[in-house]
């Protein structure tokens, strides 16, 4: 399908051929700047994701255990999820250095996912298990590590899976606008400016 459209359009600058794109990709693989850009993007994405995972889990556990805290953070989570990514990126461009913009944006966009899934896991713990643990005078620490944490693992896995997918999309989008020195987003933006569609 791609090849057919490329032939019909007949302009590499609009729809490059699959073989032309593959050849350019192979050349990029042998380029040191390409790998520097990929490495920097991966580091930014990983940093934003790890921050989101740590803080989202802690806040999620707190909100799952405390109805009051849950009611306090619910509006904040709703606002973050409803806010367009582009507006977050533009605000971050004012607040942070270009290298930090993708980290902040990826953290902010994935935090509600991790936090929400953690809250869901805590709230779906079997009440009978909690009641049994209480009747046997199990300490709060053992209750958290022995009952709550194992119960939220499936929710965490689901949240992590969704957050990882979003992280890379958001990081690249932020890099395209912020244009850090080494980044995949900057390379894509430069290729667009130079009309290098295959790249």
Protein backbone atom coordinates (compact mmCIF):
# COMPACT_ATOMS: atom_id res chain seq x y z
CA UNK A 1 0.00 0.00 0.00
CA UNK A 2 2.78 2.40 0.94
CA UNK A 3 4.70 1.67 -2.27
CA UNK A 4 1.56 2.08 -4.37
CA UNK A 5 0.73 5.48 -2.82
CA UNK A 6 4.35 6.57 -3.27
CA UNK A 7 4.26 5.67 -6.98
CA UNK A 8 0.87 7.35 -7.51
CA UNK A 9 1.96 10.58 -5.78
CA UNK A 10 5.31 10.50 -7.57
CA UNK A 11 7.03 12.93 -5.20
CA UNK A 12 9.54 11.65 -2.63
CA UNK A 13 9.20 14.88 -0.66
CA UNK A 14 5.49 14.14 0.00
CA UNK A 15 5.35 10.32 0.22
CA UNK A 16 8.83 8.79 0.15
CA UNK A 17 9.21 5.24 -1.13
CA UNK A 18 9.63 2.38 1.35
CA UNK A 19 13.03 1.48 -0.09
CA UNK A 20 14.21 5.11 0.10
CA UNK A 21 13.08 5.34 3.71
CA UNK A 22 14.73 2.01 4.57
CA UNK A 23 18.00 3.14 2.98
CA UNK A 24 17.91 6.38 4.98
CA UNK A 25 17.17 4.45 8.16
CA UNK A 26 20.18 2.19 7.58
CA UNK A 27 22.39 5.26 7.09
CA UNK A 28 21.03 6.76 10.31
CA UNK A 29 21.90 3.57 12.20
CA UNK A 30 25.55 4.14 11.32
CA UNK A 31 25.47 7.77 12.45
CA UNK A 32 26.84 8.81 15.87
CA UNK A 33 24.53 11.89 16.16
CA UNK A 34 21.53 9.60 15.65
CA UNK A 35 22.52 7.41 18.59
CA UNK A 36 23.27 10.45 20.77
CA UNK A 37 19.78 11.73 20.02
CA UNK A 38 18.18 8.35 20.76
CA UNK A 39 20.17 7.97 23.99
CA UNK A 40 19.22 11.44 25.22
CA UNK A 41 15.54 10.86 24.41
CA UNK A 42 15.53 7.50 26.19
CA UNK A 43 17.13 9.06 29.28
CA UNK A 44 14.54 11.86 29.36
CA UNK A 45 11.67 9.43 28.89
CA UNK A 46 13.01 7.09 31.57
CA UNK A 47 13.52 9.97 34.03
CA UNK A 48 9.97 11.25 33.59
CA UNK A 49 8.54 7.74 33.83
CA UNK A 50 10.50 6.76 36.97
CA UNK A 51 9.47 10.00 38.71
CA UNK A 52 5.86 9.33 37.76
CA UNK A 53 6.06 5.71 38.92
CA UNK A 54 7.55 6.57 42.32
CA UNK A 55 5.38 9.58 43.13
CA UNK A 56 2.26 8.12 41.53
CA UNK A 57 2.57 4.93 43.57
CA UNK A 58 3.13 6.76 46.87
CA UNK A 59 0.31 9.26 46.28
CA UNK A 60 -1.95 6.47 44.97
CA UNK A 61 -1.42 4.35 48.06
CA UNK A 62 -2.12 7.35 50.30
CA UNK A 63 -5.26 8.25 48.35
CA UNK A 64 -6.43 4.64 48.24
CA UNK A 65 -6.18 4.35 52.01
CA UNK A 66 -7.58 7.81 52.83
CA UNK A 67 -11.00 8.86 51.45
CA UNK A 68 -10.29 12.48 52.44
CA UNK A 69 -6.95 12.60 50.58
CA UNK A 70 -8.60 10.88 47.61
CA UNK A 71 -11.30 13.56 47.45
CA UNK A 72 -8.62 16.28 47.63
CA UNK A 73 -6.51 14.98 44.72
CA UNK A 74 -9.39 13.82 42.47
CA UNK A 75 -10.02 17.31 40.96
CA UNK A 76 -6.28 17.73 40.30
CA UNK A 77 -6.11 14.37 38.50
CA UNK A 78 -9.16 15.31 36.41
CA UNK A 79 -7.64 18.65 35.40
CA UNK A 80 -4.30 17.08 34.42
CA UNK A 81 -6.00 14.38 32.34
CA UNK A 82 -8.27 16.91 30.62
CA UNK A 83 -5.54 19.44 29.79
CA UNK A 84 -4.20 19.21 26.21
CA UNK A 85 -0.57 18.05 26.09
CA UNK A 86 0.41 20.98 23.87
CA UNK A 87 -0.62 23.52 26.52
CA UNK A 88 1.46 21.70 29.15
CA UNK A 89 4.45 21.73 26.77
CA UNK A 90 4.08 25.46 26.08
CA UNK A 91 3.89 26.30 29.80
CA UNK A 92 6.87 24.02 30.50
CA UNK A 93 8.87 25.90 27.85
CA UNK A 94 8.46 29.02 29.99
CA UNK A 95 9.28 27.31 33.28
CA UNK A 96 12.15 24.96 32.42
CA UNK A 97 15.35 24.58 30.42
CA UNK A 98 14.75 22.81 27.10
CA UNK A 99 16.33 19.56 28.36
CA UNK A 100 13.88 19.39 31.27
CA UNK A 101 10.69 20.14 29.32
CA UNK A 102 10.20 16.54 28.03
CA UNK A 103 10.94 15.11 31.50
CA UNK A 104 8.37 17.35 33.18
CA UNK A 105 5.71 16.81 30.52
CA UNK A 106 6.10 13.02 30.50
CA UNK A 107 5.95 12.97 34.31
CA UNK A 108 2.82 15.11 34.42
CA UNK A 109 0.99 13.17 31.69
CA UNK A 110 1.71 9.71 33.13
CA UNK A 111 1.31 10.56 36.83
CA UNK A 112 -2.53 10.37 36.81
CA UNK A 113 -2.38 6.95 35.09
CA UNK A 114 -0.04 5.43 37.69
CA UNK A 115 -1.80 7.15 40.58
CA UNK A 116 -5.28 6.22 39.37
CA UNK A 117 -4.41 2.57 38.84
CA UNK A 118 -2.78 2.39 42.28
CA UNK A 119 -5.90 3.89 43.87
CA UNK A 120 -8.05 1.38 41.98
CA UNK A 121 -5.89 -1.50 43.19
CA UNK A 122 -6.05 -0.36 46.83
CA UNK A 123 -9.82 0.14 46.71
CA UNK A 124 -10.38 -3.31 45.19
CA UNK A 125 -8.52 -5.22 47.90
CA UNK A 126 -10.79 -7.93 49.32
CA UNK A 127 -12.34 -6.47 52.53
CA UNK A 128 -12.45 -9.96 54.03
CA UNK A 129 -8.63 -10.15 53.86
CA UNK A 130 -8.32 -6.81 55.63
CA UNK A 131 -10.83 -7.84 58.29
CA UNK A 132 -9.01 -11.12 58.86
CA UNK A 133 -5.66 -9.34 59.15
CA UNK A 134 -7.14 -6.90 61.65
CA UNK A 135 -8.63 -9.70 63.73
CA UNK A 136 -5.20 -11.36 63.88
CA UNK A 137 -3.66 -8.02 64.89
CA UNK A 138 -1.43 -7.82 61.84
CA UNK A 139 0.68 -4.66 61.92
CA UNK A 140 -0.02 -1.83 59.45
CA UNK A 141 3.34 -2.45 57.79
CA UNK A 142 2.63 -6.16 57.28
CA UNK A 143 -0.89 -5.34 56.11
CA UNK A 144 0.56 -2.99 53.47
CA UNK A 145 3.29 -5.37 52.28
CA UNK A 146 1.36 -8.63 52.67
CA UNK A 147 -2.17 -7.69 51.59
CA UNK A 148 -2.31 -4.35 49.77
CA UNK A 149 0.84 -4.47 47.64
CA UNK A 150 0.25 -7.99 46.20
CA UNK A 151 -3.35 -7.00 45.40
CA UNK A 152 -2.38 -3.87 43.47
CA UNK A 153 0.28 -5.56 41.30
CA UNK A 154 -2.12 -6.32 38.38
CA UNK A 155 -3.36 -2.72 38.46
CA UNK A 156 0.22 -1.43 38.55
CA UNK A 157 1.23 -3.61 35.59
CA UNK A 158 -1.70 -2.25 33.60
CA UNK A 159 -0.87 1.33 34.58
CA UNK A 160 2.82 0.93 33.77
CA UNK A 161 1.99 -0.54 30.37
CA UNK A 162 -0.26 2.41 29.48
CA UNK A 163 2.17 4.98 30.92
CA UNK A 164 5.17 3.64 29.00
CA UNK A 165 3.29 3.94 25.71
CA UNK A 166 2.26 7.51 26.45
CA UNK A 167 5.72 8.48 27.74
CA UNK A 168 7.46 8.12 24.38
CA UNK A 169 4.72 9.95 22.47
CA UNK A 170 4.76 12.85 24.92
CA UNK A 171 8.57 13.04 25.17
CA UNK A 172 8.99 13.22 21.38
CA UNK A 173 6.20 15.83 21.09
CA UNK A 174 7.86 17.95 23.80
CA UNK A 175 11.26 17.59 22.12
CA UNK A 176 9.85 18.75 18.77
CA UNK A 177 8.79 22.04 20.39
CA UNK A 178 11.56 22.44 22.98
CA UNK A 179 14.33 21.32 20.59
CA UNK A 180 17.04 20.21 23.06
CA UNK A 181 20.49 19.85 21.48
CA UNK A 182 20.42 16.05 21.39
CA UNK A 183 16.97 14.52 20.88
CA UNK A 184 14.91 12.50 18.42
CA UNK A 185 12.28 15.25 18.40
CA UNK A 186 14.85 17.88 17.40
CA UNK A 187 16.16 15.64 14.61
CA UNK A 188 12.59 15.14 13.35
CA UNK A 189 11.90 18.87 13.45
CA UNK A 190 15.14 19.64 11.58
CA UNK A 191 14.27 17.01 8.96
CA UNK A 192 10.84 18.63 8.53
CA UNK A 193 12.35 22.10 8.13
CA UNK A 194 14.84 20.79 5.54
CA UNK A 195 12.05 18.82 3.77
CA UNK A 196 13.91 15.55 4.34
CA UNK A 197 10.75 13.44 4.53
CA UNK A 198 12.57 10.09 4.41
CA UNK A 199 14.60 11.08 7.47
